[in-house]
Amino acid sequence: MYVLTIDQRGSTADVDRVPDLIAALRSLTAAPFERSVGDELQGVVEHAEDVVEIALYALRSGHWYVGIGIGAVQLTPGGSPREGSGSGFVAARKAVELAKGSAGQVPLSVVSGSIGRGREMPPHAKEGAMTSANAQAVLRLIGRVVQQRTPAQWRVVDRLRALQGGDGKHGSQKHVAQELGITEQSVSRAVLRSGWLEEWAARPAAAMLLDHAHSQIEGDR
């Protein structure tokens, strides 16, 4: 399982954005997210593709630190994430704290919950930690693309995604141009400059790395 801990940036000088993000995430995942403490929310997610979706959505606004913990999770069916335990929760807490200290980088971190039982980590735990770092690198790269989009570019790519069911393919640029009252050339430029196609080409790589890290941690349970 994956535990996501998402904390609001600059919350002392901002409005409480937690309720709005929780509401928005209901349309992205079946996993329940809830406020954990202060201006922070947490959820337990089963699928790596959903983790990528949630993380990039949170990064889009620039208002959140995103921590992704990969590890064992003890949680009763239908239970609150606040009642959960396991190495995944410990890893998510460490990840969000690392994201807060990322200093100019995309504020996202991925931490493996696999811990060696002796002084030396077993090989699969080392591989899980390395793969988690690789997943973090890819997600930060995609996150940078997402964060740099302009509002005009978002209008175009949001409509493209809505038309094609979120599969990341080119979609009907002519239809979007008609909807938005702009030229097809403007839509094409927005797609090119927004890194839309590159994002969707890279998403499966991020999910694959998260899956692989998770498979290594499974062996440490």
C-alpha atoms as a PDB file:
ATOM      1  CA  MET A   1       0.000   0.000   0.000  1.00  0.00           C
ATOM      2  CA  TYR A   2       0.956   3.640  -0.392  1.00  0.00           C
ATOM      3  CA  VAL A   3       0.368   6.282   2.247  1.00  0.00           C
ATOM      4  CA  LEU A   4       0.138   9.901   1.112  1.00  0.00           C
ATOM      5  CA  THR A   5       0.588  12.693   3.629  1.00  0.00           C
ATOM      6  CA  ILE A   6      -0.085  16.105   2.089  1.00  0.00           C
ATOM      7  CA  ASP A   7       0.574  19.277   4.074  1.00  0.00           C
ATOM      8  CA  GLN A   8      -0.422  22.820   3.150  1.00  0.00           C
ATOM      9  CA  ARG A   9       2.392  25.235   2.350  1.00  0.00           C
ATOM     10  CA  GLY A  10       2.420  28.591   4.130  1.00  0.00           C
ATOM     11  CA  SER A  11      -0.756  27.724   5.991  1.00  0.00           C
ATOM     12  CA  THR A  12      -0.254  30.317   8.718  1.00  0.00           C
ATOM     13  CA  ALA A  13      -0.655  33.113   6.174  1.00  0.00           C
ATOM     14  CA  ASP A  14      -3.285  31.429   4.005  1.00  0.00           C
ATOM     15  CA  VAL A  15      -6.844  30.144   4.170  1.00  0.00           C
ATOM     16  CA  ASP A  16      -7.507  26.524   5.133  1.00  0.00           C
ATOM     17  CA  ARG A  17      -7.344  24.640   1.817  1.00  0.00           C
ATOM     18  CA  VAL A  18      -7.728  21.123   3.236  1.00  0.00           C
ATOM     19  CA  PRO A  19     -11.528  20.748   2.736  1.00  0.00           C
ATOM     20  CA  ASP A  20     -11.329  21.785  -0.910  1.00  0.00           C
ATOM     21  CA  LEU A  21      -8.501  19.362  -1.671  1.00  0.00           C
ATOM     22  CA  ILE A  22     -10.289  16.491   0.073  1.00  0.00           C
ATOM     23  CA  ALA A  23     -13.389  17.227  -2.002  1.00  0.00           C
ATOM     24  CA  ALA A  24     -11.358  17.385  -5.230  1.00  0.00           C
ATOM     25  CA  LEU A  25      -9.619  14.084  -4.517  1.00  0.00           C
ATOM     26  CA  ARG A  26     -12.971  12.282  -4.349  1.00  0.00           C
ATOM     27  CA  SER A  27     -13.196  12.637  -8.120  1.00  0.00           C
ATOM     28  CA  LEU A  28      -9.693  11.200  -8.598  1.00  0.00           C
ATOM     29  CA  THR A  29      -9.621   8.167  -6.299  1.00  0.00           C
ATOM     30  CA  ALA A  30     -11.852   5.854  -4.327  1.00  0.00           C
ATOM     31  CA  ALA A  31      -9.379   6.010  -1.447  1.00  0.00           C
ATOM     32  CA  PRO A  32     -10.710   8.234   1.353  1.00  0.00           C
ATOM     33  CA  PHE A  33      -8.589  11.200   2.372  1.00  0.00           C
ATOM     34  CA  GLU A  34      -9.185  13.047   5.617  1.00  0.00           C
ATOM     35  CA  ARG A  35      -7.606  15.723   7.737  1.00  0.00           C
ATOM     36  CA  SER A  36      -4.978  14.162   9.979  1.00  0.00           C
ATOM     37  CA  VAL A  37      -3.726  17.131  11.985  1.00  0.00           C
ATOM     38  CA  GLY A  38      -3.662  20.884  11.413  1.00  0.00           C
ATOM     39  CA  ASP A  39      -3.496  21.756   7.705  1.00  0.00           C
ATOM     40  CA  GLU A  40      -2.586  18.229   6.684  1.00  0.00           C
ATOM     41  CA  LEU A  41      -4.495  15.394   5.040  1.00  0.00           C
ATOM     42  CA  GLN A  42      -3.723  11.726   4.662  1.00  0.00           C
ATOM     43  CA  GLY A  43      -4.950   8.722   2.702  1.00  0.00           C
ATOM     44  CA  VAL A  44      -4.041   5.111   1.981  1.00  0.00           C
ATOM     45  CA  VAL A  45      -3.942   4.303  -1.750  1.00  0.00           C
ATOM     46  CA  GLU A  46      -3.778   0.860  -3.328  1.00  0.00           C
ATOM     47  CA  HIS A  47      -2.662   1.554  -6.895  1.00  0.00           C
ATOM     48  CA  ALA A  48       0.490   3.324  -8.059  1.00  0.00           C
ATOM     49  CA  GLU A  49      -1.342   5.018 -10.941  1.00  0.00           C
ATOM     50  CA  ASP A  50      -3.643   6.676  -8.419  1.00  0.00           C
ATOM     51  CA  VAL A  51      -0.651   7.829  -6.384  1.00  0.00           C
ATOM     52  CA  VAL A  52       0.775   9.558  -9.466  1.00  0.00           C
ATOM     53  CA  GLU A  53      -2.594  11.158 -10.243  1.00  0.00           C
ATOM     54  CA  ILE A  54      -3.079  12.478  -6.699  1.00  0.00           C
ATOM     55  CA  ALA A  55       0.480  13.721  -6.315  1.00  0.00           C
ATOM     56  CA  LEU A  56       0.451  15.668  -9.581  1.00  0.00           C
ATOM     57  CA  TYR A  57      -2.956  17.157  -8.829  1.00  0.00           C
ATOM     58  CA  ALA A  58      -1.693  18.433  -5.474  1.00  0.00           C
ATOM     59  CA  LEU A  59       1.503  19.811  -7.018  1.00  0.00           C
ATOM     60  CA  ARG A  60      -0.462  21.632  -9.712  1.00  0.00           C
ATOM     61  CA  SER A  61      -1.646  24.440  -7.441  1.00  0.00           C
ATOM     62  CA  GLY A  62       1.668  24.999  -5.659  1.00  0.00           C
ATOM     63  CA  HIS A  63      -0.078  24.959  -2.273  1.00  0.00           C
ATOM     64  CA  TRP A  64       1.067  21.555  -0.998  1.00  0.00           C
ATOM     65  CA  TYR A  65       3.958  19.458   0.235  1.00  0.00           C
ATOM     66  CA  VAL A  66       3.488  15.855  -0.905  1.00  0.00           C
ATOM     67  CA  GLY A  67       4.923  12.898   1.006  1.00  0.00           C
ATOM     68  CA  ILE A  68       4.589   9.370  -0.394  1.00  0.00           C
ATOM     69  CA  GLY A  69       5.337   6.460   1.915  1.00  0.00           C
ATOM     70  CA  ILE A  70       5.696   2.933   0.581  1.00  0.00           C
ATOM     71  CA  GLY A  71       5.378   0.112   3.074  1.00  0.00           C
ATOM     72  CA  ALA A  72       3.290  -2.151   5.228  1.00  0.00           C
ATOM     73  CA  VAL A  73      -0.076  -0.799   6.329  1.00  0.00           C
ATOM     74  CA  GLN A  74      -2.295  -2.081   9.109  1.00  0.00           C
ATOM     75  CA  LEU A  75      -5.753  -0.619   8.633  1.00  0.00           C
ATOM     76  CA  THR A  76      -9.159  -2.149   9.278  1.00  0.00           C
ATOM     77  CA  PRO A  77     -11.470  -2.268   6.225  1.00  0.00           C
ATOM     78  CA  GLY A  78     -13.231   1.058   5.981  1.00  0.00           C
ATOM     79  CA  GLY A  79     -11.156   2.398   8.856  1.00  0.00           C
ATOM     80  CA  SER A  80      -9.846   5.922   9.175  1.00  0.00           C
ATOM     81  CA  PRO A  81      -6.271   6.547   8.037  1.00  0.00           C
ATOM     82  CA  ARG A  82      -5.768   8.177  11.440  1.00  0.00           C
ATOM     83  CA  GLU A  83      -6.219   4.738  12.990  1.00  0.00           C
ATOM     84  CA  GLY A  84      -3.660   3.057  10.747  1.00  0.00           C
ATOM     85  CA  SER A  85      -0.170   1.901  11.582  1.00  0.00           C
ATOM     86  CA  GLY A  86       2.798   0.307   9.877  1.00  0.00           C
ATOM     87  CA  SER A  87       5.984   1.259   8.087  1.00  0.00           C
ATOM     88  CA  GLY A  88       4.036   2.970   5.281  1.00  0.00           C
ATOM     89  CA  PHE A  89       2.742   5.609   7.694  1.00  0.00           C
ATOM     90  CA  VAL A  90       6.193   6.144   9.195  1.00  0.00           C
ATOM     91  CA  ALA A  91       7.650   6.515   5.701  1.00  0.00           C
ATOM     92  CA  ALA A  92       4.942   9.000   4.657  1.00  0.00           C
ATOM     93  CA  ARG A  93       5.668  11.174   7.696  1.00  0.00           C
ATOM     94  CA  LYS A  94       9.359  11.192   6.859  1.00  0.00           C
ATOM     95  CA  ALA A  95       8.586  11.892   3.202  1.00  0.00           C
ATOM     96  CA  VAL A  96       6.459  14.978   3.849  1.00  0.00           C
ATOM     97  CA  GLU A  97       9.104  16.376   6.202  1.00  0.00           C
ATOM     98  CA  LEU A  98      11.733  15.856   3.493  1.00  0.00           C
ATOM     99  CA  ALA A  99       9.433  17.577   0.985  1.00  0.00           C
ATOM    100  CA  LYS A 100       9.256  20.585   3.300  1.00  0.00           C
ATOM    101  CA  GLY A 101      13.030  20.803   3.241  1.00  0.00           C
ATOM    102  CA  SER A 102      13.351  20.430  -0.519  1.00  0.00           C
ATOM    103  CA  ALA A 103      14.396  24.107  -0.841  1.00  0.00           C
ATOM    104  CA  GLY A 104      13.529  25.204  -4.363  1.00  0.00           C
ATOM    105  CA  GLN A 105      12.923  21.722  -5.701  1.00  0.00           C
ATOM    106  CA  VAL A 106       9.464  20.359  -6.427  1.00  0.00           C
ATOM    107  CA  PRO A 107       8.030  19.752  -2.913  1.00  0.00           C
ATOM    108  CA  LEU A 108       7.511  16.010  -3.192  1.00  0.00           C
ATOM    109  CA  SER A 109       9.380  13.113  -1.623  1.00  0.00           C
ATOM    110  CA  VAL A 110       9.071   9.325  -1.791  1.00  0.00           C
ATOM    111  CA  VAL A 111      10.339   7.201   1.096  1.00  0.00           C
ATOM    112  CA  SER A 112      10.574   3.425   1.366  1.00  0.00           C
ATOM    113  CA  GLY A 113       9.259   1.937   4.589  1.00  0.00           C
ATOM    114  CA  SER A 114      11.510  -1.096   4.266  1.00  0.00           C
ATOM    115  CA  ILE A 115      13.908  -1.286   7.189  1.00  0.00           C
ATOM    116  CA  GLY A 116      16.580  -3.878   7.713  1.00  0.00           C
ATOM    117  CA  ARG A 117      16.302  -6.025  10.830  1.00  0.00           C
ATOM    118  CA  GLY A 118      19.990  -5.882  11.523  1.00  0.00           C
ATOM    119  CA  ARG A 119      22.719  -3.325  11.106  1.00  0.00           C
ATOM    120  CA  GLU A 120      22.848  -4.066   7.386  1.00  0.00           C
ATOM    121  CA  MET A 121      19.874  -3.604   5.062  1.00  0.00           C
ATOM    122  CA  PRO A 122      18.948  -6.749   3.115  1.00  0.00           C
ATOM    123  CA  PRO A 123      19.448  -6.481  -0.661  1.00  0.00           C
ATOM    124  CA  HIS A 124      15.732  -6.126  -1.439  1.00  0.00           C
ATOM    125  CA  ALA A 125      15.425  -3.285   1.095  1.00  0.00           C
ATOM    126  CA  LYS A 126      18.335  -1.464  -0.540  1.00  0.00           C
ATOM    127  CA  GLU A 127      16.749  -1.945  -3.953  1.00  0.00           C
ATOM    128  CA  GLY A 128      13.407  -0.672  -2.627  1.00  0.00           C
ATOM    129  CA  ALA A 129      15.061   2.461  -1.264  1.00  0.00           C
ATOM    130  CA  MET A 130      16.929   3.066  -4.534  1.00  0.00           C
ATOM    131  CA  THR A 131      13.796   2.570  -6.619  1.00  0.00           C
ATOM    132  CA  SER A 132      11.857   4.927  -4.340  1.00  0.00           C
ATOM    133  CA  ALA A 133      14.508   7.570  -4.986  1.00  0.00           C
ATOM    134  CA  ASN A 134      14.172   6.992  -8.726  1.00  0.00           C
ATOM    135  CA  ALA A 135      10.378   7.289  -8.506  1.00  0.00           C
ATOM    136  CA  GLN A 136      10.836  10.550  -6.621  1.00  0.00           C
ATOM    137  CA  ALA A 137      13.136  11.897  -9.322  1.00  0.00           C
ATOM    138  CA  VAL A 138      10.657  11.111 -12.096  1.00  0.00           C
ATOM    139  CA  LEU A 139       7.707  12.529 -10.154  1.00  0.00           C
ATOM    140  CA  ARG A 140       9.617  15.727  -9.409  1.00  0.00           C
ATOM    141  CA  LEU A 141      10.471  16.084 -13.083  1.00  0.00           C
ATOM    142  CA  ILE A 142       6.841  15.647 -14.146  1.00  0.00           C
ATOM    143  CA  GLY A 143       5.778  17.876 -11.261  1.00  0.00           C
ATOM    144  CA  ARG A 144       7.984  20.671 -12.579  1.00  0.00           C
ATOM    145  CA  VAL A 145       6.269  20.404 -15.965  1.00  0.00           C
ATOM    146  CA  VAL A 146       2.859  20.554 -14.280  1.00  0.00           C
ATOM    147  CA  GLN A 147       3.743  23.501 -12.047  1.00  0.00           C
ATOM    148  CA  GLN A 148       5.067  25.601 -14.919  1.00  0.00           C
ATOM    149  CA  ARG A 149       1.870  25.514 -16.986  1.00  0.00           C
ATOM    150  CA  THR A 150       0.064  28.772 -17.506  1.00  0.00           C
ATOM    151  CA  PRO A 151      -3.695  29.154 -16.860  1.00  0.00           C
ATOM    152  CA  ALA A 152      -4.264  29.321 -20.639  1.00  0.00           C
ATOM    153  CA  GLN A 153      -2.396  26.048 -21.134  1.00  0.00           C
ATOM    154  CA  TRP A 154      -4.379  24.408 -18.346  1.00  0.00           C
ATOM    155  CA  ARG A 155      -7.652  25.402 -20.007  1.00  0.00           C
ATOM    156  CA  VAL A 156      -6.568  23.564 -23.142  1.00  0.00           C
ATOM    157  CA  VAL A 157      -5.134  20.411 -21.572  1.00  0.00           C
ATOM    158  CA  ASP A 158      -8.010  20.096 -19.097  1.00  0.00           C
ATOM    159  CA  ARG A 159     -10.478  20.107 -21.974  1.00  0.00           C
ATOM    160  CA  LEU A 160      -8.399  17.631 -23.969  1.00  0.00           C
ATOM    161  CA  ARG A 161      -8.305  15.261 -21.036  1.00  0.00           C
ATOM    162  CA  ALA A 162     -12.036  15.594 -20.381  1.00  0.00           C
ATOM    163  CA  LEU A 163     -12.794  14.722 -24.008  1.00  0.00           C
ATOM    164  CA  GLN A 164     -10.652  11.610 -24.099  1.00  0.00           C
ATOM    165  CA  GLY A 165     -11.346  10.146 -20.683  1.00  0.00           C
ATOM    166  CA  GLY A 166      -7.898  10.867 -19.293  1.00  0.00           C
ATOM    167  CA  ASP A 167      -5.867   8.466 -21.426  1.00  0.00           C
ATOM    168  CA  GLY A 168      -3.284  11.107 -22.260  1.00  0.00           C
ATOM    169  CA  LYS A 169      -3.525  10.896 -26.037  1.00  0.00           C
ATOM    170  CA  HIS A 170      -3.776  13.858 -28.360  1.00  0.00           C
ATOM    171  CA  GLY A 171      -7.568  14.168 -28.338  1.00  0.00           C
ATOM    172  CA  SER A 172      -9.607  16.394 -30.596  1.00  0.00           C
ATOM    173  CA  GLN A 173      -7.773  19.699 -30.820  1.00  0.00           C
ATOM    174  CA  LYS A 174     -10.352  21.012 -33.288  1.00  0.00           C
ATOM    175  CA  HIS A 175     -13.172  20.318 -30.852  1.00  0.00           C
ATOM    176  CA  VAL A 176     -11.303  22.011 -27.999  1.00  0.00           C
ATOM    177  CA  ALA A 177     -10.590  25.037 -30.175  1.00  0.00           C
ATOM    178  CA  GLN A 178     -14.295  25.372 -30.935  1.00  0.00           C
ATOM    179  CA  GLU A 179     -15.237  24.972 -27.269  1.00  0.00           C
ATOM    180  CA  LEU A 180     -12.768  27.606 -26.093  1.00  0.00           C
ATOM    181  CA  GLY A 181     -13.258  29.958 -29.036  1.00  0.00           C
ATOM    182  CA  ILE A 182      -9.617  29.889 -30.093  1.00  0.00           C
ATOM    183  CA  THR A 183      -7.753  28.668 -33.169  1.00  0.00           C
ATOM    184  CA  GLU A 184      -6.507  25.127 -33.671  1.00  0.00           C
ATOM    185  CA  GLN A 185      -3.022  26.587 -33.923  1.00  0.00           C
ATOM    186  CA  SER A 186      -3.400  28.061 -30.431  1.00  0.00           C
ATOM    187  CA  VAL A 187      -4.460  24.680 -29.093  1.00  0.00           C
ATOM    188  CA  SER A 188      -1.510  23.007 -30.798  1.00  0.00           C
ATOM    189  CA  ARG A 189       0.923  25.543 -29.335  1.00  0.00           C
ATOM    190  CA  ALA A 190      -0.558  25.090 -25.859  1.00  0.00           C
ATOM    191  CA  VAL A 191      -0.157  21.316 -26.112  1.00  0.00           C
ATOM    192  CA  LEU A 192       3.450  21.669 -27.263  1.00  0.00           C
ATOM    193  CA  ARG A 193       4.524  24.266 -24.685  1.00  0.00           C
ATOM    194  CA  SER A 194       2.670  22.686 -21.770  1.00  0.00           C
ATOM    195  CA  GLY A 195       4.566  19.390 -21.957  1.00  0.00           C
ATOM    196  CA  TRP A 196       1.213  17.601 -22.029  1.00  0.00           C
ATOM    197  CA  LEU A 197       2.331  14.684 -24.182  1.00  0.00           C
ATOM    198  CA  GLU A 198       5.613  14.346 -22.285  1.00  0.00           C
ATOM    199  CA  GLU A 199       3.763  14.233 -18.962  1.00  0.00           C
ATOM    200  CA  TRP A 200       1.506  11.412 -20.089  1.00  0.00           C
ATOM    201  CA  ALA A 201       4.392   9.501 -21.601  1.00  0.00           C
ATOM    202  CA  ALA A 202       6.259   9.695 -18.270  1.00  0.00           C
ATOM    203  CA  ARG A 203       3.388   8.887 -15.900  1.00  0.00           C
ATOM    204  CA  PRO A 204       3.597   5.101 -16.494  1.00  0.00           C
ATOM    205  CA  ALA A 205       7.325   5.196 -15.727  1.00  0.00           C
ATOM    206  CA  ALA A 206       6.652   6.822 -12.357  1.00  0.00           C
ATOM    207  CA  ALA A 207       3.928   4.273 -11.569  1.00  0.00           C
ATOM    208  CA  MET A 208       6.181   1.374 -12.612  1.00  0.00           C
ATOM    209  CA  LEU A 209       8.950   2.570 -10.282  1.00  0.00           C
ATOM    210  CA  LEU A 210       6.495   2.933  -7.391  1.00  0.00           C
ATOM    211  CA  ASP A 211       5.207  -0.582  -8.080  1.00  0.00           C
ATOM    212  CA  HIS A 212       8.714  -1.996  -8.122  1.00  0.00           C
ATOM    213  CA  ALA A 213       9.653  -0.259  -4.877  1.00  0.00           C
ATOM    214  CA  HIS A 214       6.477  -1.650  -3.337  1.00  0.00           C
ATOM    215  CA  SER A 215       7.319  -5.188  -4.481  1.00  0.00           C
ATOM    216  CA  GLN A 216      10.662  -4.974  -2.681  1.00  0.00           C
ATOM    217  CA  ILE A 217       9.062  -3.757   0.525  1.00  0.00           C
ATOM    218  CA  GLU A 218       6.519  -6.573   0.422  1.00  0.00           C
ATOM    219  CA  GLY A 219       9.381  -8.985   0.938  1.00  0.00           C
ATOM    220  CA  ASP A 220      10.392  -7.247   4.183  1.00  0.00           C
ATOM    221  CA  ARG A 221       7.045  -7.658   5.924  1.00  0.00           C
END
